[in-house]
Every structure is written in C-alpha cells, then in structure tokens.
Protein backbone atom coordinates (compact mmCIF):
# COMPACT_ATOMS: atom_id res chain seq x y z
CA UNK A 1 52.68 -29.60 36.44
CA UNK A 2 53.07 -27.96 33.06
CA UNK A 3 56.68 -29.05 32.69
CA UNK A 4 55.75 -32.68 33.30
CA UNK A 5 53.05 -32.47 30.63
CA UNK A 6 55.61 -30.95 28.27
CA UNK A 7 57.95 -33.84 29.10
CA UNK A 8 55.19 -36.33 28.29
CA UNK A 9 54.47 -34.58 25.01
CA UNK A 10 58.16 -34.65 24.10
CA UNK A 11 58.31 -38.35 24.92
CA UNK A 12 55.17 -39.02 22.87
CA UNK A 13 56.62 -37.01 19.99
CA UNK A 14 59.77 -39.12 20.01
CA UNK A 15 57.71 -42.33 20.18
CA UNK A 16 55.64 -41.18 17.17
CA UNK A 17 58.80 -40.43 15.22
CA UNK A 18 60.08 -43.91 16.10
CA UNK A 19 56.87 -45.39 14.70
CA UNK A 20 55.22 -46.64 17.89
CA UNK A 21 51.48 -47.24 17.85
CA UNK A 22 48.97 -44.87 19.46
CA UNK A 23 47.85 -47.51 21.97
CA UNK A 24 51.38 -48.02 23.27
CA UNK A 25 52.02 -44.28 23.50
CA UNK A 26 48.70 -43.67 25.29
CA UNK A 27 49.54 -46.42 27.77
CA UNK A 28 53.08 -45.16 28.44
CA UNK A 29 52.38 -41.42 28.59
CA UNK A 30 48.74 -41.20 29.66
CA UNK A 31 48.01 -38.65 26.94
CA UNK A 32 44.71 -38.72 25.07
CA UNK A 33 44.41 -39.75 21.45
CA UNK A 34 43.38 -36.18 20.65
CA UNK A 35 46.73 -34.94 22.02
CA UNK A 36 48.64 -37.58 20.06
CA UNK A 37 46.90 -36.63 16.81
CA UNK A 38 47.77 -32.99 17.42
CA UNK A 39 51.45 -33.92 17.94
CA UNK A 40 51.37 -36.09 14.82
CA UNK A 41 49.92 -33.18 12.82
CA UNK A 42 52.75 -30.92 14.05
CA UNK A 43 55.32 -33.52 13.00
CA UNK A 44 53.69 -33.98 9.59
CA UNK A 45 53.66 -30.26 8.89
CA UNK A 46 57.47 -30.19 9.04
CA UNK A 47 57.82 -32.63 6.14
C-alpha cells in the first residue's frame, strides 16, 4: 500500500513540475489538496 502511495506522490510531483493544475492532479491521482501543497512546497524549497 505504501509503495502505491509513493508512486502516486511521484506522479503528482511530476505533474506539478509540468505545470498541471491541482484539480487535474487530484482527479488523476486521488491525492488530497493538502498532499499536493506539501509536494509543491518540497519542490519550491529546491529552487
């Protein structure tokens, strides 16, 4: 179960980097907006 969630997070991360909207990512991955914002914060901290 954990590996599939990690896979979803990796997919969402790539979608965020590509510039996809939160709504599309939520629909495709099933992750919550809270999770997406956390991933976005991690990405932003690298730049």
